[in-house]
Amino acid sequence: MNILLVDDSRLARTELRHLLQAFPDVTIVGEARHADEARTQIQALRPDLLLLDVQMPGQTGFELLASLEAAPHVIFTTAYDEYALQAFAVNALDYLLKPVQESRLAAALAKARARVAGPVPAEVSAGAGTMEEAPQAPLTAQDQVFVKDGERCWFVKLADIKLFEINGSYTRIHFSTHRPLIPRTLQQLEARLDPKVFFRANRQQIINLKWIAGIEPWFSNTLRLTLKDGPEVEVSRQQSVRFRELLSL
């Protein structure tokens, strides 16, 4: 997979080069410091993928893409989180915040690899909100997901999400002070989440085990868990057995 680095920061380009050494199927075909250089190199080199900064002298990464008749696939790399929604509006494969983490870069390159190889299923986008990620790819606690609810959007590390719970036909996500809704079922989410970190407490809720602040016995041999900064979650009888087995020596 041929990649063109587009970033006005030499340090940022050097760091990306270093990270990309871990991926033997990747070839860096060139570098560009701004939109004008990038246009010339895109035409000459025909890269499969751009690792593209947003803020650059002259024109932004978005203006560069708008000026191209045919653009390669794009992964944005930027220090600013406020352009995430705009990035996905132009069909970017991913949006990586600097300093770029190798695990996030690996997940983004997996999306690019699948797209370069052929068509992939469309990303989910409907209803009150979305949580978008590479189809069928397993997620770790260190992965970030793009969450959109109405006009608001976030990039959230899964480790920072303490609770998923059913709300009608949607799922509510609890992180920081936010509670957005996404059109996913708990079954869909459970299939993607790391079972060593996320536990199905009952039919309504999945909890992040790292956020448990207290455990106490409850009625009929069940358990009640208190999450850091709330709320409390009751574990069903069947899942209480599994919970004890999971956390016992």
C-alpha atoms as a PDB file:
ATOM      1  CA  MET A   1       0.000   0.000   0.000  1.00  0.00           C
ATOM      2  CA  ASN A   2       1.576   3.270  -1.159  1.00  0.00           C
ATOM      3  CA  ILE A   3       1.251   6.219   1.213  1.00  0.00           C
ATOM      4  CA  LEU A   4       1.917   9.936   0.799  1.00  0.00           C
ATOM      5  CA  LEU A   5       2.562  11.954   3.975  1.00  0.00           C
ATOM      6  CA  VAL A   6       1.102  15.457   3.882  1.00  0.00           C
ATOM      7  CA  ASP A   7       2.000  17.607   6.896  1.00  0.00           C
ATOM      8  CA  ASP A   8       3.770  20.920   7.301  1.00  0.00           C
ATOM      9  CA  SER A   9       5.590  19.656  10.402  1.00  0.00           C
ATOM     10  CA  ARG A  10       8.832  17.821   9.662  1.00  0.00           C
ATOM     11  CA  LEU A  11       8.725  16.343  13.154  1.00  0.00           C
ATOM     12  CA  ALA A  12       5.227  14.948  12.554  1.00  0.00           C
ATOM     13  CA  ARG A  13       6.294  13.408   9.222  1.00  0.00           C
ATOM     14  CA  THR A  14       9.353  11.848  10.873  1.00  0.00           C
ATOM     15  CA  GLU A  15       7.204  10.362  13.627  1.00  0.00           C
ATOM     16  CA  LEU A  16       4.796   8.889  11.076  1.00  0.00           C
ATOM     17  CA  ARG A  17       7.703   7.390   9.142  1.00  0.00           C
ATOM     18  CA  HIS A  18       8.914   5.780  12.350  1.00  0.00           C
ATOM     19  CA  LEU A  19       5.474   4.339  13.183  1.00  0.00           C
ATOM     20  CA  LEU A  20       4.934   3.048   9.650  1.00  0.00           C
ATOM     21  CA  GLN A  21       8.106   0.950   9.826  1.00  0.00           C
ATOM     22  CA  ALA A  22       6.030  -1.573  11.807  1.00  0.00           C
ATOM     23  CA  PHE A  23       3.871  -2.296   8.740  1.00  0.00           C
ATOM     24  CA  PRO A  24       5.834  -4.208   6.068  1.00  0.00           C
ATOM     25  CA  ASP A  25       3.114  -3.857   3.418  1.00  0.00           C
ATOM     26  CA  VAL A  26       3.349  -0.046   3.573  1.00  0.00           C
ATOM     27  CA  THR A  27       5.575   1.999   1.267  1.00  0.00           C
ATOM     28  CA  ILE A  28       5.990   5.735   1.823  1.00  0.00           C
ATOM     29  CA  VAL A  29       6.233   7.091  -1.713  1.00  0.00           C
ATOM     30  CA  GLY A  30       6.707  10.732  -0.762  1.00  0.00           C
ATOM     31  CA  GLU A  31       6.161  13.676   1.561  1.00  0.00           C
ATOM     32  CA  ALA A  32       4.492  17.037   1.071  1.00  0.00           C
ATOM     33  CA  ARG A  33       4.629  20.099   3.289  1.00  0.00           C
ATOM     34  CA  HIS A  34       1.502  21.837   1.962  1.00  0.00           C
ATOM     35  CA  ALA A  35      -1.379  21.493  -0.472  1.00  0.00           C
ATOM     36  CA  ASP A  36       0.502  22.639  -3.585  1.00  0.00           C
ATOM     37  CA  GLU A  37       3.255  20.035  -3.069  1.00  0.00           C
ATOM     38  CA  ALA A  38       0.648  17.419  -2.291  1.00  0.00           C
ATOM     39  CA  ARG A  39      -1.288  18.050  -5.524  1.00  0.00           C
ATOM     40  CA  THR A  40       1.870  17.654  -7.581  1.00  0.00           C
ATOM     41  CA  GLN A  41       2.901  14.457  -5.823  1.00  0.00           C
ATOM     42  CA  ILE A  42      -0.579  12.934  -5.924  1.00  0.00           C
ATOM     43  CA  GLN A  43      -0.634  13.388  -9.694  1.00  0.00           C
ATOM     44  CA  ALA A  44       2.899  12.023 -10.141  1.00  0.00           C
ATOM     45  CA  LEU A  45       2.926   9.210  -7.582  1.00  0.00           C
ATOM     46  CA  ARG A  46      -0.726   8.032  -7.502  1.00  0.00           C
ATOM     47  CA  PRO A  47      -0.632   6.961  -3.834  1.00  0.00           C
ATOM     48  CA  ASP A  48      -3.284   4.624  -2.450  1.00  0.00           C
ATOM     49  CA  LEU A  49      -3.579   6.599   0.776  1.00  0.00           C
ATOM     50  CA  LEU A  50      -2.906  10.057   2.188  1.00  0.00           C
ATOM     51  CA  LEU A  51      -1.962  10.619   5.810  1.00  0.00           C
ATOM     52  CA  LEU A  52      -3.191  14.189   5.785  1.00  0.00           C
ATOM     53  CA  ASP A  53      -2.899  17.042   8.260  1.00  0.00           C
ATOM     54  CA  VAL A  54      -5.783  19.511   8.549  1.00  0.00           C
ATOM     55  CA  GLN A  55      -4.104  22.828   9.348  1.00  0.00           C
ATOM     56  CA  MET A  56      -1.326  23.704   6.872  1.00  0.00           C
ATOM     57  CA  PRO A  57       0.022  26.923   5.343  1.00  0.00           C
ATOM     58  CA  GLY A  58      -1.936  28.116   2.332  1.00  0.00           C
ATOM     59  CA  GLN A  59      -4.769  25.600   2.206  1.00  0.00           C
ATOM     60  CA  THR A  60      -6.222  23.184   4.708  1.00  0.00           C
ATOM     61  CA  GLY A  61      -6.373  19.447   4.122  1.00  0.00           C
ATOM     62  CA  PHE A  62     -10.084  19.821   3.356  1.00  0.00           C
ATOM     63  CA  GLU A  63      -9.395  22.469   0.709  1.00  0.00           C
ATOM     64  CA  LEU A  64      -6.771  20.199  -0.827  1.00  0.00           C
ATOM     65  CA  LEU A  65      -9.283  17.368  -1.173  1.00  0.00           C
ATOM     66  CA  ALA A  66     -11.906  19.706  -2.617  1.00  0.00           C
ATOM     67  CA  SER A  67      -9.452  20.760  -5.331  1.00  0.00           C
ATOM     68  CA  LEU A  68      -8.746  17.223  -6.545  1.00  0.00           C
ATOM     69  CA  GLU A  69     -10.691  15.606  -9.363  1.00  0.00           C
ATOM     70  CA  ALA A  70      -9.952  12.175  -7.889  1.00  0.00           C
ATOM     71  CA  ALA A  71      -8.566  11.820  -4.382  1.00  0.00           C
ATOM     72  CA  PRO A  72      -6.793   8.839  -2.812  1.00  0.00           C
ATOM     73  CA  HIS A  73      -8.194   7.342   0.363  1.00  0.00           C
ATOM     74  CA  VAL A  74      -7.564   9.612   3.343  1.00  0.00           C
ATOM     75  CA  ILE A  75      -6.681   9.248   7.010  1.00  0.00           C
ATOM     76  CA  PHE A  76      -6.492  12.596   8.772  1.00  0.00           C
ATOM     77  CA  THR A  77      -3.708  13.150  11.320  1.00  0.00           C
ATOM     78  CA  THR A  78      -4.176  16.304  13.349  1.00  0.00           C
ATOM     79  CA  ALA A  79      -3.788  17.872  16.769  1.00  0.00           C
ATOM     80  CA  TYR A  80      -7.343  19.244  16.650  1.00  0.00           C
ATOM     81  CA  ASP A  81     -10.422  17.191  17.524  1.00  0.00           C
ATOM     82  CA  GLU A  82     -13.017  19.723  16.336  1.00  0.00           C
ATOM     83  CA  TYR A  83     -12.762  18.698  12.659  1.00  0.00           C
ATOM     84  CA  ALA A  84     -13.867  15.085  13.186  1.00  0.00           C
ATOM     85  CA  LEU A  85     -17.396  15.511  11.835  1.00  0.00           C
ATOM     86  CA  GLN A  86     -16.134  17.397   8.778  1.00  0.00           C
ATOM     87  CA  ALA A  87     -13.549  14.645   8.182  1.00  0.00           C
ATOM     88  CA  PHE A  88     -16.179  11.922   8.034  1.00  0.00           C
ATOM     89  CA  ALA A  89     -18.357  14.121   5.825  1.00  0.00           C
ATOM     90  CA  VAL A  90     -15.632  13.872   3.167  1.00  0.00           C
ATOM     91  CA  ASN A  91     -15.466  10.076   3.630  1.00  0.00           C
ATOM     92  CA  ALA A  92     -12.172   9.960   5.493  1.00  0.00           C
ATOM     93  CA  LEU A  93     -11.300   6.442   6.622  1.00  0.00           C
ATOM     94  CA  ASP A  94     -10.216   7.622  10.052  1.00  0.00           C
ATOM     95  CA  TYR A  95      -9.239  10.641  12.099  1.00  0.00           C
ATOM     96  CA  LEU A  96      -6.124  10.252  14.251  1.00  0.00           C
ATOM     97  CA  LEU A  97      -5.207  12.734  16.952  1.00  0.00           C
ATOM     98  CA  LYS A  98      -1.550  13.621  17.456  1.00  0.00           C
ATOM     99  CA  PRO A  99       0.539  12.220  18.946  1.00  0.00           C
ATOM    100  CA  VAL A 100      -0.577   9.259  16.840  1.00  0.00           C
ATOM    101  CA  GLN A 101      -0.687   5.950  18.726  1.00  0.00           C
ATOM    102  CA  GLU A 102       0.552   2.844  16.938  1.00  0.00           C
ATOM    103  CA  SER A 103      -2.592   0.875  17.861  1.00  0.00           C
ATOM    104  CA  ARG A 104      -4.839   3.554  16.376  1.00  0.00           C
ATOM    105  CA  LEU A 105      -2.666   3.789  13.275  1.00  0.00           C
ATOM    106  CA  ALA A 106      -2.828   0.004  12.872  1.00  0.00           C
ATOM    107  CA  ALA A 107      -6.636   0.060  13.045  1.00  0.00           C
ATOM    108  CA  ALA A 108      -6.799   2.904  10.522  1.00  0.00           C
ATOM    109  CA  LEU A 109      -4.444   1.125   8.123  1.00  0.00           C
ATOM    110  CA  ALA A 110      -6.607  -1.995   8.393  1.00  0.00           C
ATOM    111  CA  LYS A 111      -9.534   0.048   7.110  1.00  0.00           C
ATOM    112  CA  ALA A 112      -7.402   1.430   4.293  1.00  0.00           C
ATOM    113  CA  ARG A 113      -6.118  -2.026   3.399  1.00  0.00           C
ATOM    114  CA  ALA A 114      -9.673  -3.346   3.087  1.00  0.00           C
ATOM    115  CA  ARG A 115     -10.770  -0.336   1.040  1.00  0.00           C
ATOM    116  CA  VAL A 116      -7.798  -0.523  -1.325  1.00  0.00           C
ATOM    117  CA  ALA A 117      -8.390  -4.259  -1.787  1.00  0.00           C
ATOM    118  CA  GLY A 118     -12.050  -3.823  -2.642  1.00  0.00           C
ATOM    119  CA  PRO A 119     -15.409  -2.486  -1.487  1.00  0.00           C
ATOM    120  CA  VAL A 120     -16.387  -2.880   2.160  1.00  0.00           C
ATOM    121  CA  PRO A 121     -19.753  -2.625   3.888  1.00  0.00           C
ATOM    122  CA  ALA A 122     -20.983   0.913   4.457  1.00  0.00           C
ATOM    123  CA  GLU A 123     -20.425   2.484   7.853  1.00  0.00           C
ATOM    124  CA  VAL A 124     -23.462   2.666  10.090  1.00  0.00           C
ATOM    125  CA  SER A 125     -25.097   6.105  10.112  1.00  0.00           C
ATOM    126  CA  ALA A 126     -28.698   6.453  11.111  1.00  0.00           C
ATOM    127  CA  GLY A 127     -31.075   7.561  13.826  1.00  0.00           C
ATOM    128  CA  ALA A 128     -30.048   9.587  16.837  1.00  0.00           C
ATOM    129  CA  GLY A 129     -26.330   8.881  16.579  1.00  0.00           C
ATOM    130  CA  THR A 130     -23.573   6.641  15.341  1.00  0.00           C
ATOM    131  CA  MET A 131     -20.506   4.831  16.566  1.00  0.00           C
ATOM    132  CA  GLU A 132     -18.291   4.086  13.571  1.00  0.00           C
ATOM    133  CA  GLU A 133     -15.338   1.738  13.257  1.00  0.00           C
ATOM    134  CA  ALA A 134     -13.860  -0.789  10.858  1.00  0.00           C
ATOM    135  CA  PRO A 135     -16.429  -3.507  10.081  1.00  0.00           C
ATOM    136  CA  GLN A 136     -15.784  -6.781  11.933  1.00  0.00           C
ATOM    137  CA  ALA A 137     -12.469  -5.579  13.374  1.00  0.00           C
ATOM    138  CA  PRO A 138     -11.998  -6.472  17.063  1.00  0.00           C
ATOM    139  CA  LEU A 139     -11.720  -3.499  19.378  1.00  0.00           C
ATOM    140  CA  THR A 140      -9.390  -3.100  22.341  1.00  0.00           C
ATOM    141  CA  ALA A 141      -9.796  -0.778  25.311  1.00  0.00           C
ATOM    142  CA  GLN A 142      -7.162   1.534  23.804  1.00  0.00           C
ATOM    143  CA  ASP A 143      -9.017   1.949  20.521  1.00  0.00           C
ATOM    144  CA  GLN A 144     -10.951   5.132  19.847  1.00  0.00           C
ATOM    145  CA  VAL A 145     -14.400   5.219  18.321  1.00  0.00           C
ATOM    146  CA  PHE A 146     -16.232   8.035  16.592  1.00  0.00           C
ATOM    147  CA  VAL A 147     -19.529   8.755  18.354  1.00  0.00           C
ATOM    148  CA  LYS A 148     -22.128  11.055  16.834  1.00  0.00           C
ATOM    149  CA  ASP A 149     -25.423  12.094  18.409  1.00  0.00           C
ATOM    150  CA  GLY A 150     -27.330  14.713  16.437  1.00  0.00           C
ATOM    151  CA  GLU A 151     -24.945  17.575  15.700  1.00  0.00           C
ATOM    152  CA  ARG A 152     -22.479  16.615  18.424  1.00  0.00           C
ATOM    153  CA  CYS A 153     -19.602  14.191  17.941  1.00  0.00           C
ATOM    154  CA  TRP A 154     -16.727  12.811  19.960  1.00  0.00           C
ATOM    155  CA  PHE A 155     -13.661  10.632  19.553  1.00  0.00           C
ATOM    156  CA  VAL A 156     -13.759   8.402  22.612  1.00  0.00           C
ATOM    157  CA  LYS A 157     -11.248   5.853  23.843  1.00  0.00           C
ATOM    158  CA  LEU A 158     -13.148   2.692  24.772  1.00  0.00           C
ATOM    159  CA  ALA A 159     -11.298   2.597  28.097  1.00  0.00           C
ATOM    160  CA  ASP A 160     -13.088   5.852  29.001  1.00  0.00           C
ATOM    161  CA  ILE A 161     -16.552   4.378  28.424  1.00  0.00           C
ATOM    162  CA  LYS A 162     -17.867   2.956  31.688  1.00  0.00           C
ATOM    163  CA  LEU A 163     -21.323   1.776  30.668  1.00  0.00           C
ATOM    164  CA  PHE A 164     -23.479   0.850  27.675  1.00  0.00           C
ATOM    165  CA  GLU A 165     -27.190   0.524  28.377  1.00  0.00           C
ATOM    166  CA  ILE A 166     -30.335  -0.043  26.341  1.00  0.00           C
ATOM    167  CA  ASN A 167     -32.571   2.979  25.872  1.00  0.00           C
ATOM    168  CA  GLY A 168     -35.568   2.009  23.768  1.00  0.00           C
ATOM    169  CA  SER A 169     -34.263   0.860  20.392  1.00  0.00           C
ATOM    170  CA  TYR A 170     -30.917   2.623  20.943  1.00  0.00           C
ATOM    171  CA  THR A 171     -27.933   2.206  23.245  1.00  0.00           C
ATOM    172  CA  ARG A 172     -26.819   4.989  25.578  1.00  0.00           C
ATOM    173  CA  ILE A 173     -23.058   5.398  26.104  1.00  0.00           C
ATOM    174  CA  HIS A 174     -21.727   6.747  29.427  1.00  0.00           C
ATOM    175  CA  PHE A 175     -18.372   8.559  29.308  1.00  0.00           C
ATOM    176  CA  SER A 176     -17.185  11.679  31.110  1.00  0.00           C
ATOM    177  CA  THR A 177     -20.329  13.827  31.521  1.00  0.00           C
ATOM    178  CA  HIS A 178     -21.811  12.734  28.189  1.00  0.00           C
ATOM    179  CA  ARG A 179     -24.650  10.295  27.502  1.00  0.00           C
ATOM    180  CA  PRO A 180     -25.134  10.078  23.702  1.00  0.00           C
ATOM    181  CA  LEU A 181     -27.424   7.560  22.009  1.00  0.00           C
ATOM    182  CA  ILE A 182     -26.340   5.335  19.132  1.00  0.00           C
ATOM    183  CA  PRO A 183     -28.430   3.017  16.904  1.00  0.00           C
ATOM    184  CA  ARG A 184     -26.689  -0.197  17.948  1.00  0.00           C
ATOM    185  CA  THR A 185     -27.900  -3.142  20.006  1.00  0.00           C
ATOM    186  CA  LEU A 186     -25.981  -4.496  22.976  1.00  0.00           C
ATOM    187  CA  GLN A 187     -25.537  -7.745  21.054  1.00  0.00           C
ATOM    188  CA  GLN A 188     -23.774  -5.884  18.234  1.00  0.00           C
ATOM    189  CA  LEU A 189     -21.541  -4.038  20.675  1.00  0.00           C
ATOM    190  CA  GLU A 190     -20.776  -7.091  22.793  1.00  0.00           C
ATOM    191  CA  ALA A 191     -19.519  -8.927  19.701  1.00  0.00           C
ATOM    192  CA  ARG A 192     -16.955  -6.164  19.087  1.00  0.00           C
ATOM    193  CA  LEU A 193     -15.807  -5.432  22.651  1.00  0.00           C
ATOM    194  CA  ASP A 194     -12.956  -7.076  24.559  1.00  0.00           C
ATOM    195  CA  PRO A 195     -14.585  -9.535  27.025  1.00  0.00           C
ATOM    196  CA  LYS A 196     -11.651  -9.080  29.407  1.00  0.00           C
ATOM    197  CA  VAL A 197     -12.668  -5.443  29.844  1.00  0.00           C
ATOM    198  CA  PHE A 198     -16.398  -5.260  29.078  1.00  0.00           C
ATOM    199  CA  PHE A 199     -18.896  -7.482  30.888  1.00  0.00           C
ATOM    200  CA  ARG A 200     -22.590  -8.068  30.134  1.00  0.00           C
ATOM    201  CA  ALA A 201     -24.110  -7.411  33.566  1.00  0.00           C
ATOM    202  CA  ASN A 202     -27.706  -8.077  32.533  1.00  0.00           C
ATOM    203  CA  ARG A 203     -29.994  -7.835  29.524  1.00  0.00           C
ATOM    204  CA  GLN A 204     -29.886  -4.066  29.634  1.00  0.00           C
ATOM    205  CA  GLN A 205     -26.285  -3.130  30.427  1.00  0.00           C
ATOM    206  CA  ILE A 206     -22.621  -3.773  29.572  1.00  0.00           C
ATOM    207  CA  ILE A 207     -20.095  -2.415  32.063  1.00  0.00           C
ATOM    208  CA  ASN A 208     -16.405  -1.605  31.872  1.00  0.00           C
ATOM    209  CA  LEU A 209     -14.766  -3.723  34.595  1.00  0.00           C
ATOM    210  CA  LYS A 210     -12.055  -1.089  35.076  1.00  0.00           C
ATOM    211  CA  TRP A 211     -14.697   1.370  36.309  1.00  0.00           C
ATOM    212  CA  ILE A 212     -16.003  -0.760  39.191  1.00  0.00           C
ATOM    213  CA  ALA A 213     -15.630   1.055  42.506  1.00  0.00           C
ATOM    214  CA  GLY A 214     -17.577  -1.325  44.749  1.00  0.00           C
ATOM    215  CA  ILE A 215     -19.206  -4.772  44.835  1.00  0.00           C
ATOM    216  CA  GLU A 216     -21.836  -5.951  47.300  1.00  0.00           C
ATOM    217  CA  PRO A 217     -24.082  -9.027  47.594  1.00  0.00           C
ATOM    218  CA  TRP A 218     -27.660  -8.367  46.537  1.00  0.00           C
ATOM    219  CA  PHE A 219     -30.965 -10.207  46.520  1.00  0.00           C
ATOM    220  CA  SER A 220     -31.267 -13.876  45.448  1.00  0.00           C
ATOM    221  CA  ASN A 221     -27.499 -14.392  45.240  1.00  0.00           C
ATOM    222  CA  THR A 222     -27.021 -11.541  42.763  1.00  0.00           C
ATOM    223  CA  LEU A 223     -24.540  -8.666  42.954  1.00  0.00           C
ATOM    224  CA  ARG A 224     -24.788  -4.910  42.915  1.00  0.00           C
ATOM    225  CA  LEU A 225     -21.878  -2.983  41.436  1.00  0.00           C
ATOM    226  CA  THR A 226     -21.097   0.668  41.983  1.00  0.00           C
ATOM    227  CA  LEU A 227     -19.215   2.363  39.141  1.00  0.00           C
ATOM    228  CA  LYS A 228     -16.843   5.263  39.757  1.00  0.00           C
ATOM    229  CA  ASP A 229     -18.904   8.468  39.848  1.00  0.00           C
ATOM    230  CA  GLY A 230     -22.029   6.259  39.565  1.00  0.00           C
ATOM    231  CA  PRO A 231     -24.369   4.715  38.629  1.00  0.00           C
ATOM    232  CA  GLU A 232     -25.141   1.428  40.387  1.00  0.00           C
ATOM    233  CA  VAL A 233     -25.678  -1.685  38.246  1.00  0.00           C
ATOM    234  CA  GLU A 234     -27.427  -4.875  39.291  1.00  0.00           C
ATOM    235  CA  VAL A 235     -25.891  -8.059  37.894  1.00  0.00           C
ATOM    236  CA  SER A 236     -28.392 -10.763  36.976  1.00  0.00           C
ATOM    237  CA  ARG A 237     -28.281 -14.096  38.818  1.00  0.00           C
ATOM    238  CA  GLN A 238     -26.780 -15.964  35.863  1.00  0.00           C
ATOM    239  CA  GLN A 239     -24.252 -13.227  35.153  1.00  0.00           C
ATOM    240  CA  SER A 240     -23.351 -12.975  38.837  1.00  0.00           C
ATOM    241  CA  VAL A 241     -22.083 -16.559  38.624  1.00  0.00           C
ATOM    242  CA  ARG A 242     -20.030 -15.685  35.556  1.00  0.00           C
ATOM    243  CA  PHE A 243     -18.770 -12.489  37.212  1.00  0.00           C
ATOM    244  CA  ARG A 244     -17.489 -14.407  40.259  1.00  0.00           C
ATOM    245  CA  GLU A 245     -15.792 -16.959  38.012  1.00  0.00           C
ATOM    246  CA  LEU A 246     -14.237 -14.227  35.892  1.00  0.00           C
ATOM    247  CA  LEU A 247     -12.691 -12.377  38.823  1.00  0.00           C
ATOM    248  CA  SER A 248     -11.744 -15.321  41.050  1.00  0.00           C
ATOM    249  CA  LEU A 249      -8.231 -16.757  41.218  1.00  0.00           C
END
